[in-house]
Amino acid sequence: MTVRPIRYLGDPVLRKPAKKVSRVDDSIRRLIADMTESMYAAHGVGIAAPQIGVGLRVVIIGMPDEEPFALINPEVIKRSGERRLDEGCLSVPGYRGTVTRSLSVVVKALDENGREVRVKAEGDMLAQALEHETDHVNGLLYVDRLNAKTDLVKLAAPRTTPDGREGDEEA
């Protein structure tokens, strides 16, 4: 497993719709392992293959205190309701934004063994992550969903103490 560098806003790979995976094989399973390591190294709860420079429709979701799972060729097949929430992204570091996401989401995909799965989530972080990561493989970022530029907020940088530890964030 290899930690791969995260691609940032401005990198063209993030804006191109990713290609459908035609066959789930060992190369895809290696990609899944690399993506999982890269997600954890970046302290994320989800990652899409384009975020590490790979233009394939593969995402990893890793909710806190749960085993991460892969979705290959994810497609949102049902959504309902709306909610406004705060969102960030590994590819847009140092910023958070308020976006509208669905309350309930159903995603159809393949698992890492090539079997069809459906994942349903309602009103939680998983529902948000499913939409967020599926957006990535469609060439979209959460900043595309902002209602106004003022909905994007730059986060304060953590202060570093003289001994190199991070202190309180500055206002």
N, C-alpha and C. Protein backbone atom coordinates (compact mmCIF):
# COMPACT_ATOMS: atom_id res chain seq x y z
N MET A 1 0.84 -1.18 0.00
CA MET A 1 0.00 0.00 0.00
C MET A 1 0.88 1.25 0.00
N THR A 2 0.45 2.22 -0.75
CA THR A 2 1.21 3.44 -0.92
C THR A 2 0.33 4.65 -0.65
N VAL A 3 0.86 5.59 0.11
CA VAL A 3 0.17 6.86 0.30
C VAL A 3 0.50 7.72 -0.92
N ARG A 4 -0.54 8.12 -1.63
CA ARG A 4 -0.35 8.94 -2.82
C ARG A 4 -0.72 10.39 -2.51
N PRO A 5 -0.05 11.33 -3.17
CA PRO A 5 -0.35 12.74 -2.90
C PRO A 5 -1.75 13.13 -3.37
N ILE A 6 -2.38 13.98 -2.57
CA ILE A 6 -3.71 14.50 -2.89
C ILE A 6 -3.58 15.59 -3.95
N ARG A 7 -4.46 15.58 -4.92
CA ARG A 7 -4.52 16.62 -5.94
C ARG A 7 -5.44 17.74 -5.44
N TYR A 8 -5.08 18.96 -5.77
CA TYR A 8 -5.81 20.12 -5.26
C TYR A 8 -6.58 20.85 -6.35
N LEU A 9 -7.57 21.63 -5.89
CA LEU A 9 -8.37 22.47 -6.77
C LEU A 9 -7.45 23.17 -7.75
N GLY A 10 -7.80 23.11 -9.01
CA GLY A 10 -6.95 23.66 -10.08
C GLY A 10 -6.33 22.56 -10.92
N ASP A 11 -6.20 21.35 -10.34
CA ASP A 11 -5.67 20.21 -11.09
C ASP A 11 -6.76 19.72 -12.05
N PRO A 12 -6.48 19.64 -13.34
CA PRO A 12 -7.51 19.25 -14.32
C PRO A 12 -8.14 17.88 -14.07
N VAL A 13 -7.43 16.95 -13.44
CA VAL A 13 -7.99 15.61 -13.21
C VAL A 13 -9.24 15.67 -12.33
N LEU A 14 -9.33 16.70 -11.49
CA LEU A 14 -10.49 16.83 -10.60
C LEU A 14 -11.74 17.30 -11.34
N ARG A 15 -11.57 17.84 -12.53
CA ARG A 15 -12.70 18.41 -13.27
C ARG A 15 -13.19 17.52 -14.41
N LYS A 16 -12.50 16.42 -14.66
CA LYS A 16 -12.90 15.52 -15.74
C LYS A 16 -13.74 14.38 -15.16
N PRO A 17 -14.90 14.09 -15.77
CA PRO A 17 -15.64 12.91 -15.32
C PRO A 17 -14.74 11.67 -15.44
N ALA A 18 -14.70 10.88 -14.39
CA ALA A 18 -13.84 9.69 -14.37
C ALA A 18 -14.43 8.59 -15.25
N LYS A 19 -13.55 7.71 -15.70
CA LYS A 19 -13.95 6.60 -16.55
C LYS A 19 -14.52 5.45 -15.72
N LYS A 20 -15.50 4.78 -16.29
CA LYS A 20 -16.12 3.63 -15.65
C LYS A 20 -15.11 2.48 -15.58
N VAL A 21 -15.11 1.78 -14.47
CA VAL A 21 -14.25 0.60 -14.30
C VAL A 21 -14.96 -0.56 -14.98
N SER A 22 -14.29 -1.17 -15.97
CA SER A 22 -14.93 -2.25 -16.73
C SER A 22 -14.79 -3.61 -16.05
N ARG A 23 -13.72 -3.77 -15.24
CA ARG A 23 -13.50 -5.05 -14.57
C ARG A 23 -12.83 -4.81 -13.23
N VAL A 24 -13.36 -5.41 -12.19
CA VAL A 24 -12.75 -5.30 -10.87
C VAL A 24 -11.74 -6.43 -10.74
N ASP A 25 -10.46 -6.05 -10.74
CA ASP A 25 -9.39 -7.04 -10.65
C ASP A 25 -8.38 -6.60 -9.60
N ASP A 26 -7.24 -7.28 -9.55
CA ASP A 26 -6.23 -6.97 -8.52
C ASP A 26 -5.69 -5.55 -8.64
N SER A 27 -5.62 -5.00 -9.86
CA SER A 27 -5.12 -3.63 -9.98
C SER A 27 -6.10 -2.65 -9.33
N ILE A 28 -7.39 -2.91 -9.43
CA ILE A 28 -8.39 -2.06 -8.78
C ILE A 28 -8.31 -2.25 -7.26
N ARG A 29 -8.12 -3.47 -6.82
CA ARG A 29 -7.99 -3.71 -5.37
C ARG A 29 -6.73 -3.04 -4.80
N ARG A 30 -5.64 -2.99 -5.58
CA ARG A 30 -4.44 -2.26 -5.14
C ARG A 30 -4.73 -0.77 -5.07
N LEU A 31 -5.46 -0.25 -6.06
CA LEU A 31 -5.86 1.15 -6.04
C LEU A 31 -6.70 1.45 -4.80
N ILE A 32 -7.62 0.57 -4.47
CA ILE A 32 -8.47 0.73 -3.28
C ILE A 32 -7.60 0.78 -2.03
N ALA A 33 -6.61 -0.10 -1.92
CA ALA A 33 -5.71 -0.11 -0.76
C ALA A 33 -4.92 1.20 -0.68
N ASP A 34 -4.40 1.66 -1.80
CA ASP A 34 -3.66 2.93 -1.84
C ASP A 34 -4.56 4.11 -1.46
N MET A 35 -5.78 4.09 -1.99
CA MET A 35 -6.72 5.17 -1.68
C MET A 35 -7.05 5.20 -0.19
N THR A 36 -7.24 4.03 0.39
CA THR A 36 -7.57 3.94 1.81
C THR A 36 -6.42 4.50 2.65
N GLU A 37 -5.20 4.11 2.33
CA GLU A 37 -4.03 4.62 3.05
C GLU A 37 -3.91 6.14 2.88
N SER A 38 -4.13 6.61 1.67
CA SER A 38 -4.03 8.05 1.38
C SER A 38 -5.10 8.83 2.13
N MET A 39 -6.31 8.28 2.20
CA MET A 39 -7.41 8.94 2.92
C MET A 39 -7.06 9.07 4.40
N TYR A 40 -6.59 7.97 5.00
CA TYR A 40 -6.24 8.03 6.42
C TYR A 40 -5.06 8.96 6.68
N ALA A 41 -4.07 8.94 5.80
CA ALA A 41 -2.91 9.83 5.97
C ALA A 41 -3.32 11.29 5.93
N ALA A 42 -4.37 11.60 5.15
CA ALA A 42 -4.85 12.98 5.02
C ALA A 42 -5.96 13.31 6.03
N HIS A 43 -6.30 12.34 6.87
CA HIS A 43 -7.34 12.52 7.91
C HIS A 43 -8.71 12.80 7.30
N GLY A 44 -9.05 12.08 6.23
CA GLY A 44 -10.34 12.24 5.58
C GLY A 44 -11.32 11.14 5.96
N VAL A 45 -12.57 11.33 5.57
CA VAL A 45 -13.59 10.31 5.76
C VAL A 45 -14.07 9.76 4.42
N GLY A 46 -13.47 10.24 3.36
CA GLY A 46 -13.78 9.76 2.03
C GLY A 46 -12.73 10.26 1.06
N ILE A 47 -12.59 9.53 -0.04
CA ILE A 47 -11.65 9.93 -1.09
C ILE A 47 -12.11 9.30 -2.40
N ALA A 48 -11.89 10.00 -3.48
CA ALA A 48 -12.20 9.50 -4.82
C ALA A 48 -10.90 9.37 -5.60
N ALA A 49 -10.85 8.41 -6.50
CA ALA A 49 -9.63 8.16 -7.27
C ALA A 49 -9.08 9.42 -7.95
N PRO A 50 -9.92 10.30 -8.52
CA PRO A 50 -9.33 11.51 -9.13
C PRO A 50 -8.54 12.36 -8.14
N GLN A 51 -8.86 12.26 -6.85
CA GLN A 51 -8.14 13.05 -5.85
C GLN A 51 -6.69 12.60 -5.68
N ILE A 52 -6.36 11.40 -6.18
CA ILE A 52 -4.96 10.97 -6.18
C ILE A 52 -4.45 10.84 -7.61
N GLY A 53 -5.16 11.50 -8.54
CA GLY A 53 -4.70 11.57 -9.92
C GLY A 53 -5.10 10.42 -10.82
N VAL A 54 -6.03 9.58 -10.36
CA VAL A 54 -6.46 8.42 -11.15
C VAL A 54 -7.88 8.67 -11.64
N GLY A 55 -8.06 8.74 -12.94
CA GLY A 55 -9.36 9.07 -13.53
C GLY A 55 -10.30 7.90 -13.66
N LEU A 56 -10.51 7.17 -12.57
CA LEU A 56 -11.44 6.04 -12.54
C LEU A 56 -12.54 6.28 -11.52
N ARG A 57 -13.69 5.68 -11.75
CA ARG A 57 -14.86 5.84 -10.88
C ARG A 57 -14.76 4.89 -9.67
N VAL A 58 -13.87 5.26 -8.75
CA VAL A 58 -13.67 4.49 -7.52
C VAL A 58 -13.64 5.46 -6.36
N VAL A 59 -14.41 5.15 -5.30
CA VAL A 59 -14.40 5.97 -4.10
C VAL A 59 -14.26 5.08 -2.87
N ILE A 60 -13.73 5.67 -1.81
CA ILE A 60 -13.63 5.01 -0.51
C ILE A 60 -14.39 5.88 0.47
N ILE A 61 -15.18 5.24 1.32
CA ILE A 61 -15.87 5.93 2.40
C ILE A 61 -15.36 5.31 3.70
N GLY A 62 -14.90 6.15 4.62
CA GLY A 62 -14.36 5.66 5.89
C GLY A 62 -14.91 6.46 7.06
N MET A 63 -16.12 6.15 7.46
CA MET A 63 -16.74 6.85 8.58
C MET A 63 -15.97 6.57 9.87
N PRO A 64 -15.93 7.54 10.79
CA PRO A 64 -15.24 7.31 12.05
C PRO A 64 -15.78 6.05 12.76
N ASP A 65 -14.87 5.27 13.29
CA ASP A 65 -15.19 4.05 14.05
C ASP A 65 -15.86 2.96 13.22
N GLU A 66 -15.74 3.02 11.90
CA GLU A 66 -16.30 1.98 11.04
C GLU A 66 -15.24 1.57 10.02
N GLU A 67 -15.36 0.34 9.53
CA GLU A 67 -14.46 -0.14 8.49
C GLU A 67 -14.71 0.64 7.20
N PRO A 68 -13.66 1.06 6.53
CA PRO A 68 -13.86 1.75 5.25
C PRO A 68 -14.37 0.76 4.19
N PHE A 69 -15.06 1.29 3.19
CA PHE A 69 -15.53 0.43 2.11
C PHE A 69 -15.38 1.17 0.78
N ALA A 70 -15.23 0.37 -0.26
CA ALA A 70 -15.05 0.90 -1.61
C ALA A 70 -16.36 0.83 -2.37
N LEU A 71 -16.57 1.82 -3.22
CA LEU A 71 -17.67 1.83 -4.17
C LEU A 71 -17.08 2.07 -5.55
N ILE A 72 -17.33 1.15 -6.45
CA ILE A 72 -16.81 1.22 -7.80
C ILE A 72 -17.97 1.56 -8.73
N ASN A 73 -17.77 2.54 -9.57
CA ASN A 73 -18.81 3.05 -10.47
C ASN A 73 -20.05 3.52 -9.70
N PRO A 74 -19.86 4.30 -8.63
CA PRO A 74 -21.02 4.73 -7.84
C PRO A 74 -21.95 5.65 -8.63
N GLU A 75 -23.23 5.47 -8.37
CA GLU A 75 -24.25 6.28 -9.03
C GLU A 75 -25.37 6.53 -8.02
N VAL A 76 -25.68 7.79 -7.81
CA VAL A 76 -26.81 8.12 -6.94
C VAL A 76 -28.08 7.79 -7.72
N ILE A 77 -28.87 6.84 -7.21
CA ILE A 77 -30.07 6.43 -7.93
C ILE A 77 -31.35 6.97 -7.28
N LYS A 78 -31.22 7.48 -6.05
CA LYS A 78 -32.38 8.06 -5.40
C LYS A 78 -31.89 9.07 -4.37
N ARG A 79 -32.58 10.19 -4.31
CA ARG A 79 -32.30 11.18 -3.28
C ARG A 79 -33.59 11.88 -2.94
N SER A 80 -33.68 12.32 -1.69
CA SER A 80 -34.87 13.07 -1.29
C SER A 80 -34.51 14.02 -0.17
N GLY A 81 -35.33 15.06 -0.04
CA GLY A 81 -35.12 16.06 1.00
C GLY A 81 -33.91 16.91 0.73
N GLU A 82 -33.79 17.97 1.52
CA GLU A 82 -32.63 18.86 1.43
C GLU A 82 -32.22 19.28 2.81
N ARG A 83 -30.94 19.56 2.95
CA ARG A 83 -30.40 20.14 4.17
C ARG A 83 -29.17 20.95 3.84
N ARG A 84 -28.94 21.99 4.59
CA ARG A 84 -27.74 22.82 4.42
C ARG A 84 -26.74 22.38 5.48
N LEU A 85 -25.52 22.18 5.05
CA LEU A 85 -24.50 21.77 6.01
C LEU A 85 -23.12 22.24 5.62
N ASP A 86 -22.24 22.16 6.59
CA ASP A 86 -20.86 22.58 6.45
C ASP A 86 -20.08 21.44 5.80
N GLU A 87 -19.23 21.77 4.84
CA GLU A 87 -18.49 20.73 4.14
C GLU A 87 -17.07 21.19 3.85
N GLY A 88 -16.16 20.25 3.84
CA GLY A 88 -14.78 20.50 3.48
C GLY A 88 -14.33 19.41 2.52
N CYS A 89 -13.09 19.50 2.07
CA CYS A 89 -12.60 18.54 1.08
C CYS A 89 -11.07 18.48 1.15
N LEU A 90 -10.54 17.27 1.02
CA LEU A 90 -9.09 17.10 1.00
C LEU A 90 -8.45 17.87 -0.15
N SER A 91 -9.19 18.07 -1.23
CA SER A 91 -8.66 18.76 -2.41
C SER A 91 -8.83 20.28 -2.35
N VAL A 92 -9.46 20.77 -1.29
CA VAL A 92 -9.62 22.22 -1.09
C VAL A 92 -9.22 22.51 0.37
N PRO A 93 -7.95 22.29 0.71
CA PRO A 93 -7.54 22.43 2.11
C PRO A 93 -7.62 23.87 2.59
N GLY A 94 -7.95 24.00 3.88
CA GLY A 94 -7.97 25.32 4.49
C GLY A 94 -9.27 26.08 4.31
N TYR A 95 -10.28 25.43 3.74
CA TYR A 95 -11.57 26.07 3.51
C TYR A 95 -12.70 25.13 3.91
N ARG A 96 -13.84 25.72 4.24
CA ARG A 96 -15.09 25.00 4.48
C ARG A 96 -16.18 25.82 3.82
N GLY A 97 -17.25 25.15 3.45
CA GLY A 97 -18.34 25.86 2.81
C GLY A 97 -19.69 25.28 3.19
N THR A 98 -20.72 26.10 3.06
CA THR A 98 -22.08 25.66 3.34
C THR A 98 -22.73 25.28 2.01
N VAL A 99 -23.16 24.03 1.92
CA VAL A 99 -23.76 23.51 0.69
C VAL A 99 -25.10 22.86 1.00
N THR A 100 -25.89 22.66 -0.04
CA THR A 100 -27.14 21.93 0.09
C THR A 100 -26.90 20.49 -0.36
N ARG A 101 -27.25 19.57 0.50
CA ARG A 101 -27.14 18.14 0.20
C ARG A 101 -28.50 17.50 0.46
N SER A 102 -28.66 16.30 -0.06
CA SER A 102 -29.90 15.56 0.14
C SER A 102 -29.97 15.03 1.57
N LEU A 103 -31.17 14.86 2.05
CA LEU A 103 -31.38 14.28 3.37
C LEU A 103 -31.21 12.76 3.30
N SER A 104 -31.74 12.17 2.23
CA SER A 104 -31.68 10.72 2.05
C SER A 104 -31.07 10.41 0.69
N VAL A 105 -30.18 9.42 0.65
CA VAL A 105 -29.46 9.08 -0.58
C VAL A 105 -29.37 7.56 -0.71
N VAL A 106 -29.54 7.06 -1.94
CA VAL A 106 -29.27 5.66 -2.25
C VAL A 106 -28.27 5.64 -3.40
N VAL A 107 -27.18 4.91 -3.20
CA VAL A 107 -26.14 4.79 -4.22
C VAL A 107 -26.03 3.33 -4.64
N LYS A 108 -25.96 3.13 -5.96
CA LYS A 108 -25.72 1.80 -6.53
C LYS A 108 -24.28 1.77 -7.01
N ALA A 109 -23.58 0.66 -6.74
CA ALA A 109 -22.18 0.55 -7.15
C ALA A 109 -21.77 -0.93 -7.14
N LEU A 110 -20.51 -1.16 -7.42
CA LEU A 110 -19.91 -2.48 -7.25
C LEU A 110 -19.01 -2.42 -6.02
N ASP A 111 -18.88 -3.55 -5.32
CA ASP A 111 -17.93 -3.60 -4.21
C ASP A 111 -16.57 -4.07 -4.75
N GLU A 112 -15.60 -4.24 -3.87
CA GLU A 112 -14.25 -4.61 -4.33
C GLU A 112 -14.15 -6.02 -4.89
N ASN A 113 -15.23 -6.80 -4.78
CA ASN A 113 -15.28 -8.13 -5.39
C ASN A 113 -16.09 -8.14 -6.68
N GLY A 114 -16.56 -6.96 -7.10
CA GLY A 114 -17.31 -6.86 -8.34
C GLY A 114 -18.79 -7.16 -8.20
N ARG A 115 -19.28 -7.29 -6.97
CA ARG A 115 -20.70 -7.54 -6.74
C ARG A 115 -21.46 -6.23 -6.62
N GLU A 116 -22.69 -6.20 -7.15
CA GLU A 116 -23.50 -4.99 -7.05
C GLU A 116 -23.97 -4.81 -5.60
N VAL A 117 -23.85 -3.56 -5.14
CA VAL A 117 -24.32 -3.21 -3.80
C VAL A 117 -25.14 -1.93 -3.90
N ARG A 118 -25.97 -1.73 -2.90
CA ARG A 118 -26.71 -0.48 -2.74
C ARG A 118 -26.46 -0.02 -1.32
N VAL A 119 -26.15 1.26 -1.20
CA VAL A 119 -25.91 1.85 0.12
C VAL A 119 -26.93 2.96 0.30
N LYS A 120 -27.67 2.86 1.42
CA LYS A 120 -28.68 3.87 1.72
C LYS A 120 -28.25 4.59 2.99
N ALA A 121 -28.41 5.91 2.98
CA ALA A 121 -28.08 6.71 4.17
C ALA A 121 -29.11 7.82 4.28
N GLU A 122 -29.39 8.18 5.52
CA GLU A 122 -30.40 9.22 5.74
C GLU A 122 -29.98 10.15 6.87
N GLY A 123 -29.83 11.42 6.52
CA GLY A 123 -29.63 12.47 7.51
C GLY A 123 -28.34 12.40 8.31
N ASP A 124 -27.33 11.74 7.79
CA ASP A 124 -26.09 11.63 8.55
C ASP A 124 -24.87 11.95 7.68
N MET A 125 -23.69 11.80 8.27
CA MET A 125 -22.45 12.08 7.56
C MET A 125 -22.27 11.13 6.37
N LEU A 126 -22.76 9.90 6.49
CA LEU A 126 -22.63 8.95 5.39
C LEU A 126 -23.38 9.45 4.16
N ALA A 127 -24.60 9.96 4.33
CA ALA A 127 -25.35 10.50 3.19
C ALA A 127 -24.57 11.62 2.52
N GLN A 128 -24.00 12.49 3.32
CA GLN A 128 -23.20 13.60 2.80
C GLN A 128 -21.99 13.08 2.03
N ALA A 129 -21.28 12.12 2.62
CA ALA A 129 -20.07 11.57 1.99
C ALA A 129 -20.39 10.86 0.68
N LEU A 130 -21.50 10.13 0.65
CA LEU A 130 -21.88 9.44 -0.59
C LEU A 130 -22.07 10.43 -1.73
N GLU A 131 -22.78 11.53 -1.46
CA GLU A 131 -22.97 12.54 -2.51
C GLU A 131 -21.66 13.24 -2.86
N HIS A 132 -20.89 13.60 -1.84
CA HIS A 132 -19.63 14.32 -2.04
C HIS A 132 -18.67 13.51 -2.92
N GLU A 133 -18.48 12.24 -2.57
CA GLU A 133 -17.52 11.42 -3.31
C GLU A 133 -18.03 11.06 -4.71
N THR A 134 -19.34 10.86 -4.85
CA THR A 134 -19.89 10.61 -6.18
C THR A 134 -19.74 11.85 -7.06
N ASP A 135 -19.89 13.03 -6.45
CA ASP A 135 -19.61 14.26 -7.20
C ASP A 135 -18.20 14.24 -7.77
N HIS A 136 -17.22 13.83 -6.96
CA HIS A 136 -15.83 13.82 -7.41
C HIS A 136 -15.65 13.01 -8.70
N VAL A 137 -16.24 11.82 -8.77
CA VAL A 137 -16.03 11.01 -9.97
C VAL A 137 -16.81 11.56 -11.17
N ASN A 138 -17.68 12.54 -10.90
CA ASN A 138 -18.39 13.24 -11.98
C ASN A 138 -17.74 14.57 -12.33
N GLY A 139 -16.57 14.84 -11.76
CA GLY A 139 -15.83 16.07 -12.07
C GLY A 139 -16.31 17.30 -11.32
N LEU A 140 -17.04 17.09 -10.22
CA LEU A 140 -17.56 18.21 -9.42
C LEU A 140 -16.89 18.26 -8.06
N LEU A 141 -16.78 19.48 -7.53
CA LEU A 141 -16.27 19.69 -6.17
C LEU A 141 -17.35 20.41 -5.38
N TYR A 142 -17.26 20.33 -4.06
CA TYR A 142 -18.30 20.96 -3.25
C TYR A 142 -18.38 22.46 -3.50
N VAL A 143 -17.28 23.10 -3.89
CA VAL A 143 -17.32 24.54 -4.16
C VAL A 143 -18.24 24.87 -5.34
N ASP A 144 -18.52 23.89 -6.19
CA ASP A 144 -19.45 24.09 -7.30
C ASP A 144 -20.90 24.16 -6.80
N ARG A 145 -21.13 23.73 -5.59
CA ARG A 145 -22.48 23.69 -5.01
C ARG A 145 -22.76 24.85 -4.06
N LEU A 146 -21.82 25.76 -3.91
CA LEU A 146 -22.04 26.92 -3.05
C LEU A 146 -23.10 27.82 -3.67
N ASN A 147 -23.97 28.37 -2.83
CA ASN A 147 -24.97 29.33 -3.32
C ASN A 147 -24.33 30.68 -3.61
N ALA A 148 -23.32 31.05 -2.83
CA ALA A 148 -22.65 32.34 -2.98
C ALA A 148 -21.20 32.19 -2.53
N LYS A 149 -20.34 33.05 -3.04
CA LYS A 149 -18.93 33.02 -2.63
C LYS A 149 -18.77 33.20 -1.13
N THR A 150 -19.71 33.92 -0.52
CA THR A 150 -19.63 34.15 0.93
C THR A 150 -19.91 32.87 1.73
N ASP A 151 -20.39 31.81 1.06
CA ASP A 151 -20.61 30.54 1.74
C ASP A 151 -19.31 29.75 1.91
N LEU A 152 -18.22 30.24 1.33
CA LEU A 152 -16.90 29.61 1.48
C LEU A 152 -16.11 30.41 2.51
N VAL A 153 -15.58 29.70 3.49
CA VAL A 153 -14.87 30.36 4.59
C VAL A 153 -13.45 29.80 4.69
N LYS A 154 -12.48 30.71 4.76
CA LYS A 154 -11.09 30.30 4.98
C LYS A 154 -10.91 30.01 6.45
N LEU A 155 -10.36 28.86 6.76
CA LEU A 155 -10.13 28.47 8.15
C LEU A 155 -8.88 29.15 8.69
N ALA A 156 -8.91 29.44 9.97
CA ALA A 156 -7.73 30.02 10.60
C ALA A 156 -6.65 28.95 10.68
N ALA A 157 -5.43 29.35 10.45
CA ALA A 157 -4.31 28.41 10.53
C ALA A 157 -3.99 28.14 11.99
N PRO A 158 -3.69 26.89 12.34
CA PRO A 158 -3.32 26.62 13.73
C PRO A 158 -2.00 27.30 14.07
N ARG A 159 -1.92 27.85 15.26
CA ARG A 159 -0.67 28.45 15.72
C ARG A 159 0.29 27.35 16.13
N THR A 160 1.54 27.58 15.88
CA THR A 160 2.56 26.64 16.31
C THR A 160 3.29 27.25 17.51
N THR A 161 3.39 26.46 18.57
CA THR A 161 4.07 26.94 19.77
C THR A 161 5.58 26.86 19.54
N PRO A 162 6.38 27.53 20.36
CA PRO A 162 7.84 27.51 20.17
C PRO A 162 8.44 26.11 20.15
N ASP A 163 7.78 25.15 20.80
CA ASP A 163 8.32 23.79 20.79
C ASP A 163 7.78 22.95 19.63
N GLY A 164 7.05 23.60 18.68
CA GLY A 164 6.61 22.91 17.48
C GLY A 164 5.24 22.27 17.57
N ARG A 165 4.57 22.37 18.72
CA ARG A 165 3.22 21.79 18.84
C ARG A 165 2.20 22.79 18.31
N GLU A 166 1.06 22.24 17.84
CA GLU A 166 -0.01 23.11 17.39
C GLU A 166 -0.80 23.60 18.59
N GLY A 167 -1.06 24.90 18.61
CA GLY A 167 -1.83 25.49 19.70
C GLY A 167 -3.24 25.82 19.24
N ASP A 168 -3.90 26.71 19.91
CA ASP A 168 -5.25 27.11 19.54
C ASP A 168 -5.25 27.82 18.20
N GLU A 169 -6.37 27.66 17.47
CA GLU A 169 -6.50 28.38 16.20
C GLU A 169 -6.69 29.85 16.47
N GLU A 170 -6.12 30.66 15.63
CA GLU A 170 -6.31 32.10 15.74
C GLU A 170 -7.64 32.49 15.13
N ALA A 171 -8.23 33.52 15.67
CA ALA A 171 -9.52 33.98 15.14
C ALA A 171 -9.30 34.84 13.91
